[in-house]
PDB file of all heavy atoms in Angstrom:
ATOM      1  N   GLN A   1       0.142 -16.702   2.962  1.00  0.00           N
ATOM      2  CA  GLN A   1      -0.313 -15.660   3.887  1.00  0.00           C
ATOM      3  C   GLN A   1       0.779 -14.597   4.093  1.00  0.00           C
ATOM      4  O   GLN A   1       0.478 -13.402   4.174  1.00  0.00           O
ATOM      5  CB  GLN A   1      -0.712 -16.269   5.225  1.00  0.00           C
ATOM      6  CG  GLN A   1      -1.346 -15.268   6.154  1.00  0.00           C
ATOM      7  CD  GLN A   1      -1.898 -15.915   7.408  1.00  0.00           C
ATOM      8  OE1 GLN A   1      -1.768 -17.109   7.613  1.00  0.00           O
ATOM      9  NE2 GLN A   1      -2.532 -15.138   8.258  1.00  0.00           N
ATOM     10  N   ALA A   2       2.027 -15.001   4.158  1.00  0.00           N
ATOM     11  CA  ALA A   2       3.128 -14.047   4.327  1.00  0.00           C
ATOM     12  C   ALA A   2       3.279 -13.163   3.096  1.00  0.00           C
ATOM     13  O   ALA A   2       3.528 -11.954   3.202  1.00  0.00           O
ATOM     14  CB  ALA A   2       4.431 -14.784   4.609  1.00  0.00           C
ATOM     15  N   VAL A   3       3.121 -13.750   1.908  1.00  0.00           N
ATOM     16  CA  VAL A   3       3.201 -12.966   0.674  1.00  0.00           C
ATOM     17  C   VAL A   3       2.057 -11.961   0.619  1.00  0.00           C
ATOM     18  O   VAL A   3       2.251 -10.793   0.271  1.00  0.00           O
ATOM     19  CB  VAL A   3       3.205 -13.889  -0.567  1.00  0.00           C
ATOM     20  CG1 VAL A   3       3.080 -13.082  -1.844  1.00  0.00           C
ATOM     21  CG2 VAL A   3       4.465 -14.739  -0.589  1.00  0.00           C
ATOM     22  N   ALA A   4       0.859 -12.386   0.987  1.00  0.00           N
ATOM     23  CA  ALA A   4      -0.293 -11.487   0.997  1.00  0.00           C
ATOM     24  C   ALA A   4      -0.061 -10.322   1.962  1.00  0.00           C
ATOM     25  O   ALA A   4      -0.345  -9.163   1.631  1.00  0.00           O
ATOM     26  CB  ALA A   4      -1.560 -12.249   1.365  1.00  0.00           C
ATOM     27  N   GLN A   5       0.482 -10.588   3.141  1.00  0.00           N
ATOM     28  CA  GLN A   5       0.764  -9.529   4.110  1.00  0.00           C
ATOM     29  C   GLN A   5       1.841  -8.584   3.581  1.00  0.00           C
ATOM     30  O   GLN A   5       1.744  -7.372   3.751  1.00  0.00           O
ATOM     31  CB  GLN A   5       1.205 -10.114   5.455  1.00  0.00           C
ATOM     32  CG  GLN A   5       1.455  -9.062   6.526  1.00  0.00           C
ATOM     33  CD  GLN A   5       0.212  -8.273   6.859  1.00  0.00           C
ATOM     34  OE1 GLN A   5      -0.844  -8.851   7.112  1.00  0.00           O
ATOM     35  NE2 GLN A   5       0.307  -6.956   6.846  1.00  0.00           N
ATOM     36  N   ALA A   6       2.857  -9.127   2.929  1.00  0.00           N
ATOM     37  CA  ALA A   6       3.922  -8.292   2.356  1.00  0.00           C
ATOM     38  C   ALA A   6       3.350  -7.346   1.304  1.00  0.00           C
ATOM     39  O   ALA A   6       3.687  -6.152   1.283  1.00  0.00           O
ATOM     40  CB  ALA A   6       5.012  -9.173   1.744  1.00  0.00           C
ATOM     41  N   LEU A   7       2.479  -7.856   0.445  1.00  0.00           N
ATOM     42  CA  LEU A   7       1.864  -7.006  -0.574  1.00  0.00           C
ATOM     43  C   LEU A   7       0.976  -5.938   0.056  1.00  0.00           C
ATOM     44  O   LEU A   7       0.987  -4.781  -0.364  1.00  0.00           O
ATOM     45  CB  LEU A   7       1.076  -7.848  -1.571  1.00  0.00           C
ATOM     46  CG  LEU A   7       1.922  -8.765  -2.457  1.00  0.00           C
ATOM     47  CD1 LEU A   7       1.032  -9.648  -3.312  1.00  0.00           C
ATOM     48  CD2 LEU A   7       2.870  -7.950  -3.327  1.00  0.00           C
ATOM     49  N   ARG A   8       0.228  -6.308   1.088  1.00  0.00           N
ATOM     50  CA  ARG A   8      -0.594  -5.318   1.799  1.00  0.00           C
ATOM     51  C   ARG A   8       0.283  -4.222   2.406  1.00  0.00           C
ATOM     52  O   ARG A   8      -0.068  -3.039   2.348  1.00  0.00           O
ATOM     53  CB  ARG A   8      -1.421  -5.988   2.893  1.00  0.00           C
ATOM     54  CG  ARG A   8      -2.672  -6.660   2.384  1.00  0.00           C
ATOM     55  CD  ARG A   8      -3.619  -7.051   3.527  1.00  0.00           C
ATOM     56  NE  ARG A   8      -3.071  -8.074   4.399  1.00  0.00           N
ATOM     57  CZ  ARG A   8      -3.165  -9.381   4.187  1.00  0.00           C
ATOM     58  NH1 ARG A   8      -3.787  -9.841   3.125  1.00  0.00           N
ATOM     59  NH2 ARG A   8      -2.646 -10.235   5.037  1.00  0.00           N
ATOM     60  N   ASN A   9       1.422  -4.610   2.979  1.00  0.00           N
ATOM     61  CA  ASN A   9       2.343  -3.613   3.546  1.00  0.00           C
ATOM     62  C   ASN A   9       2.787  -2.617   2.484  1.00  0.00           C
ATOM     63  O   ASN A   9       2.794  -1.406   2.713  1.00  0.00           O
ATOM     64  CB  ASN A   9       3.581  -4.287   4.132  1.00  0.00           C
ATOM     65  CG  ASN A   9       3.320  -5.052   5.398  1.00  0.00           C
ATOM     66  OD1 ASN A   9       2.311  -4.865   6.056  1.00  0.00           O
ATOM     67  ND2 ASN A   9       4.232  -5.945   5.737  1.00  0.00           N
ATOM     68  N   LEU A  10       3.185  -3.116   1.325  1.00  0.00           N
ATOM     69  CA  LEU A  10       3.685  -2.242   0.268  1.00  0.00           C
ATOM     70  C   LEU A  10       2.590  -1.340  -0.299  1.00  0.00           C
ATOM     71  O   LEU A  10       2.822  -0.151  -0.554  1.00  0.00           O
ATOM     72  CB  LEU A  10       4.324  -3.072  -0.847  1.00  0.00           C
ATOM     73  CG  LEU A  10       5.593  -3.823  -0.449  1.00  0.00           C
ATOM     74  CD1 LEU A  10       6.071  -4.692  -1.600  1.00  0.00           C
ATOM     75  CD2 LEU A  10       6.684  -2.858  -0.001  1.00  0.00           C
ATOM     76  N   VAL A  11       1.401  -1.896  -0.483  1.00  0.00           N
ATOM     77  CA  VAL A  11       0.293  -1.080  -0.985  1.00  0.00           C
ATOM     78  C   VAL A  11      -0.091  -0.018   0.048  1.00  0.00           C
ATOM     79  O   VAL A  11      -0.315   1.149  -0.303  1.00  0.00           O
ATOM     80  CB  VAL A  11      -0.914  -1.967  -1.361  1.00  0.00           C
ATOM     81  CG1 VAL A  11      -2.148  -1.122  -1.639  1.00  0.00           C
ATOM     82  CG2 VAL A  11      -0.575  -2.807  -2.588  1.00  0.00           C
ATOM     83  N   GLN A  12      -0.131  -0.380   1.326  1.00  0.00           N
ATOM     84  CA  GLN A  12      -0.457   0.602   2.356  1.00  0.00           C
ATOM     85  C   GLN A  12       0.595   1.698   2.422  1.00  0.00           C
ATOM     86  O   GLN A  12       0.253   2.879   2.563  1.00  0.00           O
ATOM     87  CB  GLN A  12      -0.609  -0.059   3.729  1.00  0.00           C
ATOM     88  CG  GLN A  12      -1.114   0.898   4.796  1.00  0.00           C
ATOM     89  CD  GLN A  12      -2.482   1.456   4.457  1.00  0.00           C
ATOM     90  OE1 GLN A  12      -3.425   0.707   4.277  1.00  0.00           O
ATOM     91  NE2 GLN A  12      -2.588   2.773   4.358  1.00  0.00           N
ATOM     92  N   ASN A  13       1.871   1.349   2.307  1.00  0.00           N
ATOM     93  CA  ASN A  13       2.923   2.367   2.279  1.00  0.00           C
ATOM     94  C   ASN A  13       2.736   3.306   1.094  1.00  0.00           C
ATOM     95  O   ASN A  13       2.931   4.522   1.211  1.00  0.00           O
ATOM     96  CB  ASN A  13       4.308   1.723   2.216  1.00  0.00           C
ATOM     97  CG  ASN A  13       4.772   1.211   3.563  1.00  0.00           C
ATOM     98  OD1 ASN A  13       4.134   1.412   4.574  1.00  0.00           O
ATOM     99  ND2 ASN A  13       5.903   0.527   3.566  1.00  0.00           N
ATOM    100  N   ALA A  14       2.380   2.751  -0.065  1.00  0.00           N
ATOM    101  CA  ALA A  14       2.151   3.574  -1.255  1.00  0.00           C
ATOM    102  C   ALA A  14       0.974   4.522  -1.042  1.00  0.00           C
ATOM    103  O   ALA A  14       1.033   5.705  -1.412  1.00  0.00           O
ATOM    104  CB  ALA A  14       1.919   2.685  -2.478  1.00  0.00           C
ATOM    105  N   LEU A  15      -0.088   4.022  -0.439  1.00  0.00           N
ATOM    106  CA  LEU A  15      -1.239   4.882  -0.153  1.00  0.00           C
ATOM    107  C   LEU A  15      -0.870   5.967   0.851  1.00  0.00           C
ATOM    108  O   LEU A  15      -1.256   7.134   0.692  1.00  0.00           O
ATOM    109  CB  LEU A  15      -2.396   4.036   0.396  1.00  0.00           C
ATOM    110  CG  LEU A  15      -3.069   3.112  -0.617  1.00  0.00           C
ATOM    111  CD1 LEU A  15      -3.975   2.113   0.095  1.00  0.00           C
ATOM    112  CD2 LEU A  15      -3.839   3.910  -1.650  1.00  0.00           C
ATOM    113  N   ASP A  16      -0.103   5.600   1.875  1.00  0.00           N
ATOM    114  CA  ASP A  16       0.323   6.584   2.886  1.00  0.00           C
ATOM    115  C   ASP A  16       1.227   7.651   2.282  1.00  0.00           C
ATOM    116  O   ASP A  16       1.196   8.807   2.706  1.00  0.00           O
ATOM    117  CB  ASP A  16       1.051   5.894   4.032  1.00  0.00           C
ATOM    118  CG  ASP A  16       0.144   5.027   4.891  1.00  0.00           C
ATOM    119  OD1 ASP A  16      -1.093   5.164   4.791  1.00  0.00           O
ATOM    120  OD2 ASP A  16       0.684   4.194   5.648  1.00  0.00           O
ATOM    121  N   ALA A  17       2.032   7.297   1.295  1.00  0.00           N
ATOM    122  CA  ALA A  17       2.974   8.242   0.685  1.00  0.00           C
ATOM    123  C   ALA A  17       2.293   9.168  -0.315  1.00  0.00           C
ATOM    124  O   ALA A  17       2.828  10.235  -0.637  1.00  0.00           O
ATOM    125  CB  ALA A  17       4.100   7.482  -0.016  1.00  0.00           C
ATOM    126  N   SER A  18       1.141   8.775  -0.804  1.00  0.00           N
ATOM    127  CA  SER A  18       0.454   9.524  -1.848  1.00  0.00           C
ATOM    128  C   SER A  18      -0.499  10.559  -1.254  1.00  0.00           C
ATOM    129  O   SER A  18      -1.019  10.377  -0.151  1.00  0.00           O
ATOM    130  CB  SER A  18      -0.345   8.571  -2.738  1.00  0.00           C
ATOM    131  OG  SER A  18       0.521   7.667  -3.382  1.00  0.00           O
ATOM    132  N   PRO A  19      -0.759  11.628  -2.013  1.00  0.00           N
ATOM    133  CA  PRO A  19      -1.762  12.597  -1.557  1.00  0.00           C
ATOM    134  C   PRO A  19      -3.155  11.949  -1.488  1.00  0.00           C
ATOM    135  O   PRO A  19      -3.401  10.943  -2.165  1.00  0.00           O
ATOM    136  CB  PRO A  19      -1.741  13.679  -2.640  1.00  0.00           C
ATOM    137  CG  PRO A  19      -0.510  13.447  -3.443  1.00  0.00           C
ATOM    138  CD  PRO A  19      -0.138  12.014  -3.275  1.00  0.00           C
ATOM    139  N   PRO A  20      -4.051  12.530  -0.698  1.00  0.00           N
ATOM    140  CA  PRO A  20      -5.411  11.992  -0.638  1.00  0.00           C
ATOM    141  C   PRO A  20      -6.030  11.925  -2.036  1.00  0.00           C
ATOM    142  O   PRO A  20      -5.785  12.795  -2.875  1.00  0.00           O
ATOM    143  CB  PRO A  20      -6.170  13.005   0.231  1.00  0.00           C
ATOM    144  CG  PRO A  20      -5.113  13.684   1.027  1.00  0.00           C
ATOM    145  CD  PRO A  20      -3.880  13.697   0.158  1.00  0.00           C
ATOM    146  N   GLN A  21      -6.780  10.902  -2.291  1.00  0.00           N
ATOM    147  CA  GLN A  21      -7.486  10.670  -3.552  1.00  0.00           C
ATOM    148  C   GLN A  21      -6.572  10.317  -4.727  1.00  0.00           C
ATOM    149  O   GLN A  21      -7.041  10.146  -5.844  1.00  0.00           O
ATOM    150  CB  GLN A  21      -8.362  11.877  -3.934  1.00  0.00           C
ATOM    151  CG  GLN A  21      -9.308  12.344  -2.849  1.00  0.00           C
ATOM    152  CD  GLN A  21     -10.233  11.244  -2.341  1.00  0.00           C
ATOM    153  OE1 GLN A  21     -10.769  10.477  -3.111  1.00  0.00           O
ATOM    154  NE2 GLN A  21     -10.388  11.171  -1.040  1.00  0.00           N
ATOM    155  N   ALA A  22      -5.260  10.234  -4.497  1.00  0.00           N
ATOM    156  CA  ALA A  22      -4.339   9.851  -5.583  1.00  0.00           C
ATOM    157  C   ALA A  22      -4.483   8.357  -5.852  1.00  0.00           C
ATOM    158  O   ALA A  22      -4.829   7.578  -4.970  1.00  0.00           O
ATOM    159  CB  ALA A  22      -2.897  10.189  -5.205  1.00  0.00           C
ATOM    160  N   LYS A  23      -4.203   7.981  -7.071  1.00  0.00           N
ATOM    161  CA  LYS A  23      -4.271   6.570  -7.451  1.00  0.00           C
ATOM    162  C   LYS A  23      -2.937   5.881  -7.169  1.00  0.00           C
ATOM    163  O   LYS A  23      -1.878   6.471  -7.345  1.00  0.00           O
ATOM    164  CB  LYS A  23      -4.614   6.432  -8.923  1.00  0.00           C
ATOM    165  CG  LYS A  23      -5.999   6.913  -9.234  1.00  0.00           C
ATOM    166  CD  LYS A  23      -6.344   6.685 -10.679  1.00  0.00           C
ATOM    167  CE  LYS A  23      -7.665   7.327 -10.963  1.00  0.00           C
ATOM    168  NZ  LYS A  23      -8.695   6.455 -11.356  1.00  0.00           N
ATOM    169  N   VAL A  24      -3.026   4.648  -6.740  1.00  0.00           N
ATOM    170  CA  VAL A  24      -1.863   3.785  -6.576  1.00  0.00           C
ATOM    171  C   VAL A  24      -2.055   2.629  -7.540  1.00  0.00           C
ATOM    172  O   VAL A  24      -3.110   1.995  -7.556  1.00  0.00           O
ATOM    173  CB  VAL A  24      -1.738   3.277  -5.119  1.00  0.00           C
ATOM    174  CG1 VAL A  24      -0.685   2.196  -5.008  1.00  0.00           C
ATOM    175  CG2 VAL A  24      -1.419   4.438  -4.184  1.00  0.00           C
TER     176      VAL A  24
END
């Protein structure tokens, strides 16, 4: 569960850093 949350954090940060509609 901790690993899953860590991956979600990183993916969400990547989405937040990217322009709208950009691919991560």
